[in-house]
Amino acid sequence: MTKNNDPNKESLVDIAVDPEVLARELALEIEIDPLEQIDEDSFPKGLNITQECNEALKMLKGNREERIQGLRIFCEYRDSRSFPLLLPLLDQPCPVERMSVVYALGRNPCPSAVEKLVSLLETDDNAYVRRATAWSLANYDNQIVLKPLINALKNDVAAVRLWSSSSLAEIGNVSSENAQLAAEQLLISLKIDNEPGVRSNCIWSLCRLYEKLNNTFQESFVDECTKIALFDKEPSVMEEAKTALDSMGRKKQKLPWIQWGCKVFITKFLNFFLLAHY
């Protein structure tokens, strides 16, 4: 792990590694990403995309401030020429720089970066870097990213769980096997996570994976969404569940969520009741 031991140089993104503190600080998405605070006025004006990328490639060979400015350009544009310059920067001690590189590699997926990105998600001591990594890994369909994203959804702080739950929808769609593995943890997190944003993202991701899941799991997801839509205490999660049920109902029987969700829920309950009495 990369640590900053000088408290006088600690920045917004260089948070003390205390899980409880991080959970409180990052429970909700930060409104302004530290990367967005970089001074845009320092960019040359009137350049086309190719020229901007050419300038950015030069910046990546400069000092720390120049590198961060160059990284910001590659967070917006794709250019495979950046790969050999981006990869070494993942080991920089500055968390802002590491986070910026991770975002750039999400915009510019580089197959040889995937193992290092997985390592950052699992071991980096800065939650903003891990959050950026959870987002970027959605753009990599390598099989090795599935388990680390599942583990992050299970164990990391809220902001990292939030992006991990979304990225699992992308990685799950690679195959039916991936979809099933991702969905198992997404459904567990939907039931037990204490952050409404994470639970809403779990519903969104499960809805994206729905058609790749087996019938039993589809029914379990519909059951859970119906219970949430009817009884959950968190309005935002209730609305996400209703939206998901509407979407699945239109695909299945063209019914609104309340009719289709309750129909499936009641049918399953009656089947259970009948089996229990025979």
Protein backbone atom coordinates (compact mmCIF):
# COMPACT_ATOMS: atom_id res chain seq x y z
CA MET A 1 0.00 0.00 0.00
CA THR A 2 1.05 3.60 -0.58
CA LYS A 3 0.89 5.82 2.44
CA ASN A 4 1.40 9.53 3.06
CA ASN A 5 3.06 9.86 6.46
CA ASP A 6 3.27 13.67 6.46
CA PRO A 7 0.05 15.05 8.01
CA ASN A 8 0.92 18.53 6.72
CA LYS A 9 0.67 17.27 3.15
CA GLU A 10 -2.57 15.38 3.63
CA SER A 11 -5.23 16.41 1.11
CA LEU A 12 -8.96 15.77 0.77
CA VAL A 13 -8.31 12.46 -0.97
CA ASP A 14 -5.63 11.34 1.51
CA ILE A 15 -7.98 10.18 4.28
CA ALA A 16 -6.81 8.32 7.37
CA VAL A 17 -7.33 4.61 6.95
CA ASP A 18 -10.04 4.00 9.50
CA PRO A 19 -12.96 1.92 8.17
CA GLU A 20 -15.53 3.60 10.40
CA VAL A 21 -14.34 7.09 9.50
CA LEU A 22 -14.27 6.22 5.82
CA ALA A 23 -17.74 4.72 6.02
CA ARG A 24 -19.09 7.98 7.44
CA GLU A 25 -17.11 10.23 5.09
CA LEU A 26 -17.95 8.25 1.97
CA ALA A 27 -21.44 6.98 2.79
CA LEU A 28 -22.81 9.24 0.05
CA GLU A 29 -21.25 10.08 -3.29
CA ILE A 30 -19.11 13.20 -2.99
CA GLU A 31 -20.63 16.06 -4.97
CA ILE A 32 -17.33 17.15 -6.54
CA ASP A 33 -14.68 14.62 -7.46
CA PRO A 34 -11.17 15.89 -6.59
CA LEU A 35 -10.24 15.33 -10.23
CA GLU A 36 -12.85 17.90 -11.29
CA GLN A 37 -11.17 20.57 -9.19
CA ILE A 38 -8.10 20.67 -11.43
CA ASP A 39 -7.75 24.05 -13.09
CA GLU A 40 -9.23 23.86 -16.60
CA ASP A 41 -7.86 27.30 -17.51
CA SER A 42 -4.38 25.83 -17.77
CA PHE A 43 -5.36 23.81 -20.88
CA PRO A 44 -4.41 25.21 -24.28
CA LYS A 45 -7.48 26.65 -26.02
CA GLY A 46 -8.61 25.98 -29.57
CA LEU A 47 -6.94 22.59 -29.99
CA ASN A 48 -8.65 19.65 -31.66
CA ILE A 49 -8.79 16.23 -29.98
CA THR A 50 -5.62 14.92 -31.67
CA GLN A 51 -3.69 18.03 -30.69
CA GLU A 52 -4.99 17.85 -27.12
CA CYS A 53 -3.89 14.22 -26.85
CA ASN A 54 -0.48 15.10 -28.30
CA GLU A 55 -0.10 17.80 -25.65
CA ALA A 56 -1.30 15.43 -22.95
CA LEU A 57 1.28 12.80 -23.92
CA LYS A 58 3.99 15.41 -23.38
CA MET A 59 2.46 16.37 -20.03
CA LEU A 60 2.56 12.75 -18.82
CA LYS A 61 6.37 12.96 -19.04
CA GLY A 62 6.49 16.16 -16.97
CA ASN A 63 6.29 16.99 -13.26
CA ARG A 64 3.44 16.03 -10.98
CA GLU A 65 1.19 18.99 -11.84
CA GLU A 66 1.77 18.53 -15.57
CA ARG A 67 1.07 14.81 -15.30
CA ILE A 68 -2.24 15.44 -13.53
CA GLN A 69 -3.27 17.92 -16.23
CA GLY A 70 -2.38 15.35 -18.89
CA LEU A 71 -4.30 12.65 -17.05
CA ARG A 72 -7.39 14.80 -17.01
CA ILE A 73 -7.36 14.92 -20.81
CA PHE A 74 -7.17 11.12 -20.98
CA CYS A 75 -10.13 10.90 -18.60
CA GLU A 76 -12.09 12.52 -21.45
CA TYR A 77 -10.47 11.18 -24.63
CA ARG A 78 -9.33 7.76 -25.80
CA ASP A 79 -5.86 7.29 -27.27
CA SER A 80 -3.98 4.00 -27.08
CA ARG A 81 -0.67 5.87 -27.30
CA SER A 82 -1.21 6.75 -23.65
CA PHE A 83 -0.93 3.13 -22.42
CA PRO A 84 2.86 2.90 -21.87
CA LEU A 85 2.84 6.27 -20.08
CA LEU A 86 -0.22 5.60 -17.90
CA LEU A 87 0.76 2.20 -16.50
CA PRO A 88 3.89 3.29 -14.53
CA LEU A 89 1.90 6.13 -12.93
CA LEU A 90 -0.29 3.65 -11.04
CA ASP A 91 2.58 3.36 -8.54
CA GLN A 92 2.81 7.09 -7.80
CA PRO A 93 2.71 7.94 -4.06
CA CYS A 94 0.21 10.79 -4.54
CA PRO A 95 -3.39 9.48 -4.21
CA VAL A 96 -4.77 12.23 -6.50
CA GLU A 97 -2.40 11.07 -9.21
CA ARG A 98 -3.19 7.39 -8.71
CA MET A 99 -6.91 8.13 -8.77
CA SER A 100 -6.51 10.19 -11.95
CA VAL A 101 -4.57 7.39 -13.66
CA VAL A 102 -7.26 4.88 -12.70
CA TYR A 103 -9.99 7.07 -14.20
CA ALA A 104 -7.90 7.53 -17.36
CA LEU A 105 -7.49 3.75 -17.66
CA GLY A 106 -11.25 3.37 -17.28
CA ARG A 107 -11.71 5.69 -20.24
CA ASN A 108 -8.80 4.01 -22.07
CA PRO A 109 -9.08 0.30 -21.18
CA CYS A 110 -5.66 -1.32 -21.42
CA PRO A 111 -5.62 -5.15 -21.14
CA SER A 112 -2.22 -5.16 -19.46
CA ALA A 113 -3.50 -2.84 -16.70
CA VAL A 114 -6.20 -5.16 -15.36
CA GLU A 115 -4.08 -7.04 -12.81
CA LYS A 116 -2.68 -3.82 -11.35
CA LEU A 117 -6.16 -2.28 -11.16
CA VAL A 118 -7.46 -5.34 -9.34
CA SER A 119 -4.55 -5.04 -6.91
CA LEU A 120 -5.43 -1.38 -6.25
CA LEU A 121 -9.06 -2.28 -5.57
CA GLU A 122 -7.98 -4.93 -3.10
CA THR A 123 -5.08 -3.21 -1.35
CA ASP A 124 -4.87 0.56 -1.89
CA ASP A 125 -5.24 2.39 1.42
CA ASN A 126 -7.10 5.36 -0.12
CA ALA A 127 -10.85 4.96 -0.55
CA TYR A 128 -11.06 7.44 -3.42
CA VAL A 129 -8.54 5.40 -5.39
CA ARG A 130 -10.48 2.20 -4.67
CA ARG A 131 -13.73 3.88 -5.68
CA ALA A 132 -12.21 5.02 -8.98
CA THR A 133 -10.92 1.49 -9.55
CA ALA A 134 -14.34 -0.05 -8.92
CA TRP A 135 -15.72 2.28 -11.61
CA SER A 136 -12.93 1.65 -14.12
CA LEU A 137 -13.09 -2.13 -13.87
CA ALA A 138 -16.56 -2.05 -15.44
CA ASN A 139 -14.73 -1.44 -18.72
CA TYR A 140 -12.68 -4.63 -18.44
CA ASP A 141 -14.27 -7.96 -19.32
CA ASN A 142 -11.38 -10.02 -17.97
CA GLN A 143 -12.67 -12.82 -15.73
CA ILE A 144 -10.31 -11.90 -12.89
CA VAL A 145 -12.23 -8.70 -12.07
CA LEU A 146 -15.45 -10.46 -11.03
CA LYS A 147 -14.42 -11.81 -7.63
CA PRO A 148 -12.64 -8.60 -6.47
CA LEU A 149 -15.73 -6.54 -7.33
CA ILE A 150 -17.93 -9.00 -5.42
CA ASN A 151 -15.58 -8.77 -2.42
CA ALA A 152 -15.60 -4.97 -2.59
CA LEU A 153 -19.41 -4.98 -2.59
CA LYS A 154 -19.34 -7.21 0.47
CA ASN A 155 -16.61 -5.54 2.51
CA ASP A 156 -15.59 -2.04 1.44
CA VAL A 157 -16.87 1.41 2.42
CA ALA A 158 -20.13 2.74 1.00
CA ALA A 159 -18.76 4.76 -1.93
CA VAL A 160 -16.71 1.79 -3.14
CA ARG A 161 -19.68 -0.56 -2.69
CA LEU A 162 -21.80 1.86 -4.72
CA TRP A 163 -19.56 1.66 -7.79
CA SER A 164 -18.85 -2.05 -7.33
CA SER A 165 -22.56 -2.82 -7.48
CA SER A 166 -22.87 -0.89 -10.76
CA SER A 167 -19.76 -2.43 -12.31
CA LEU A 168 -21.03 -5.93 -11.54
CA ALA A 169 -23.84 -5.33 -14.02
CA GLU A 170 -21.28 -4.81 -16.79
CA ILE A 171 -19.06 -7.74 -15.82
CA GLY A 172 -22.08 -9.96 -15.18
CA ASN A 173 -23.32 -9.41 -18.71
CA VAL A 174 -20.19 -11.06 -20.11
CA SER A 175 -21.71 -14.53 -19.54
CA SER A 176 -24.58 -16.34 -17.82
CA GLU A 177 -22.12 -17.79 -15.30
CA ASN A 178 -20.81 -14.32 -14.43
CA ALA A 179 -24.37 -13.02 -14.20
CA GLN A 180 -25.36 -15.69 -11.71
CA LEU A 181 -22.28 -15.16 -9.51
CA ALA A 182 -22.68 -11.40 -9.54
CA ALA A 183 -26.43 -11.61 -8.90
CA GLU A 184 -25.99 -13.78 -5.82
CA GLN A 185 -24.01 -11.08 -4.02
CA LEU A 186 -26.14 -8.25 -5.42
CA LEU A 187 -29.26 -9.85 -3.97
CA ILE A 188 -27.59 -10.39 -0.59
CA SER A 189 -26.42 -6.76 -0.53
CA LEU A 190 -29.88 -5.57 -1.56
CA LYS A 191 -31.25 -7.27 1.56
CA ILE A 192 -28.58 -6.33 4.12
CA ASP A 193 -26.69 -3.19 3.03
CA ASN A 194 -27.41 -0.15 5.18
CA GLU A 195 -26.85 2.45 2.44
CA PRO A 196 -29.91 3.29 0.28
CA GLY A 197 -27.72 4.25 -2.68
CA VAL A 198 -26.00 0.87 -2.67
CA ARG A 199 -29.32 -0.97 -2.43
CA SER A 200 -30.77 1.08 -5.30
CA ASN A 201 -27.72 0.28 -7.42
CA CYS A 202 -28.11 -3.41 -6.60
CA ILE A 203 -31.68 -3.30 -7.94
CA TRP A 204 -30.51 -1.49 -11.09
CA SER A 205 -27.76 -4.04 -11.69
CA LEU A 206 -29.99 -7.04 -11.02
CA CYS A 207 -32.52 -5.65 -13.48
CA ARG A 208 -29.74 -5.39 -16.09
CA LEU A 209 -28.76 -9.03 -15.45
CA TYR A 210 -32.33 -10.35 -15.16
CA GLU A 211 -32.60 -12.10 -18.52
CA LYS A 212 -29.35 -14.02 -17.95
CA LEU A 213 -30.51 -15.45 -14.59
CA ASN A 214 -32.21 -18.80 -14.03
CA ASN A 215 -35.94 -18.91 -13.30
CA THR A 216 -35.54 -19.55 -9.58
CA PHE A 217 -33.30 -16.54 -9.15
CA GLN A 218 -35.56 -14.36 -11.26
CA GLU A 219 -38.46 -15.23 -8.95
CA SER A 220 -36.36 -14.46 -5.87
CA PHE A 221 -35.46 -11.06 -7.27
CA VAL A 222 -39.08 -10.26 -8.15
CA ASP A 223 -40.16 -11.34 -4.64
CA GLU A 224 -37.60 -9.05 -3.04
CA CYS A 225 -38.48 -6.11 -5.30
CA THR A 226 -42.18 -6.55 -4.54
CA LYS A 227 -41.56 -6.55 -0.78
CA ILE A 228 -39.38 -3.44 -1.13
CA ALA A 229 -41.91 -1.65 -3.36
CA LEU A 230 -44.68 -2.31 -0.84
CA PHE A 231 -43.01 -2.12 2.55
CA ASP A 232 -39.50 -0.58 2.46
CA LYS A 233 -38.85 2.45 4.66
CA GLU A 234 -36.51 4.14 2.18
CA PRO A 235 -38.44 6.04 -0.55
CA SER A 236 -35.58 6.06 -3.08
CA VAL A 237 -35.16 2.29 -2.83
CA MET A 238 -38.94 1.77 -3.10
CA GLU A 239 -39.02 3.81 -6.32
CA GLU A 240 -36.09 1.88 -7.79
CA ALA A 241 -37.87 -1.39 -7.01
CA LYS A 242 -41.08 -0.17 -8.67
CA THR A 243 -39.11 0.89 -11.76
CA ALA A 244 -37.44 -2.52 -11.91
CA LEU A 245 -40.76 -4.34 -11.56
CA ASP A 246 -42.29 -2.20 -14.30
CA SER A 247 -39.38 -3.02 -16.58
CA MET A 248 -39.52 -6.76 -15.90
CA GLY A 249 -43.32 -6.81 -16.07
CA ARG A 250 -43.31 -5.20 -19.52
CA LYS A 251 -40.85 -7.81 -20.74
CA LYS A 252 -42.80 -10.72 -19.28
CA GLN A 253 -46.52 -9.96 -19.33
CA LYS A 254 -46.91 -6.24 -20.08
CA LEU A 255 -48.33 -5.58 -16.63
CA PRO A 256 -47.65 -2.61 -14.32
CA TRP A 257 -45.39 -3.37 -11.37
CA ILE A 258 -48.12 -3.64 -8.75
CA GLN A 259 -50.09 -6.25 -10.72
CA TRP A 260 -47.19 -8.34 -11.95
CA GLY A 261 -45.09 -8.18 -8.77
CA CYS A 262 -48.00 -9.07 -6.53
CA LYS A 263 -49.13 -11.82 -8.90
CA VAL A 264 -45.72 -13.53 -8.73
CA PHE A 265 -45.42 -12.94 -4.98
CA ILE A 266 -48.90 -14.32 -4.19
CA THR A 267 -48.48 -17.30 -6.51
CA LYS A 268 -45.25 -18.26 -4.79
CA PHE A 269 -46.80 -17.81 -1.35
CA LEU A 270 -49.79 -20.00 -2.27
CA ASN A 271 -47.50 -22.72 -3.64
CA PHE A 272 -45.53 -22.67 -0.41
CA PHE A 273 -48.73 -22.79 1.66
CA LEU A 274 -50.11 -25.75 -0.29
CA LEU A 275 -46.86 -27.71 -0.04
CA ALA A 276 -46.73 -27.11 3.71
CA HIS A 277 -50.13 -28.72 4.15
CA TYR A 278 -49.57 -31.86 2.12
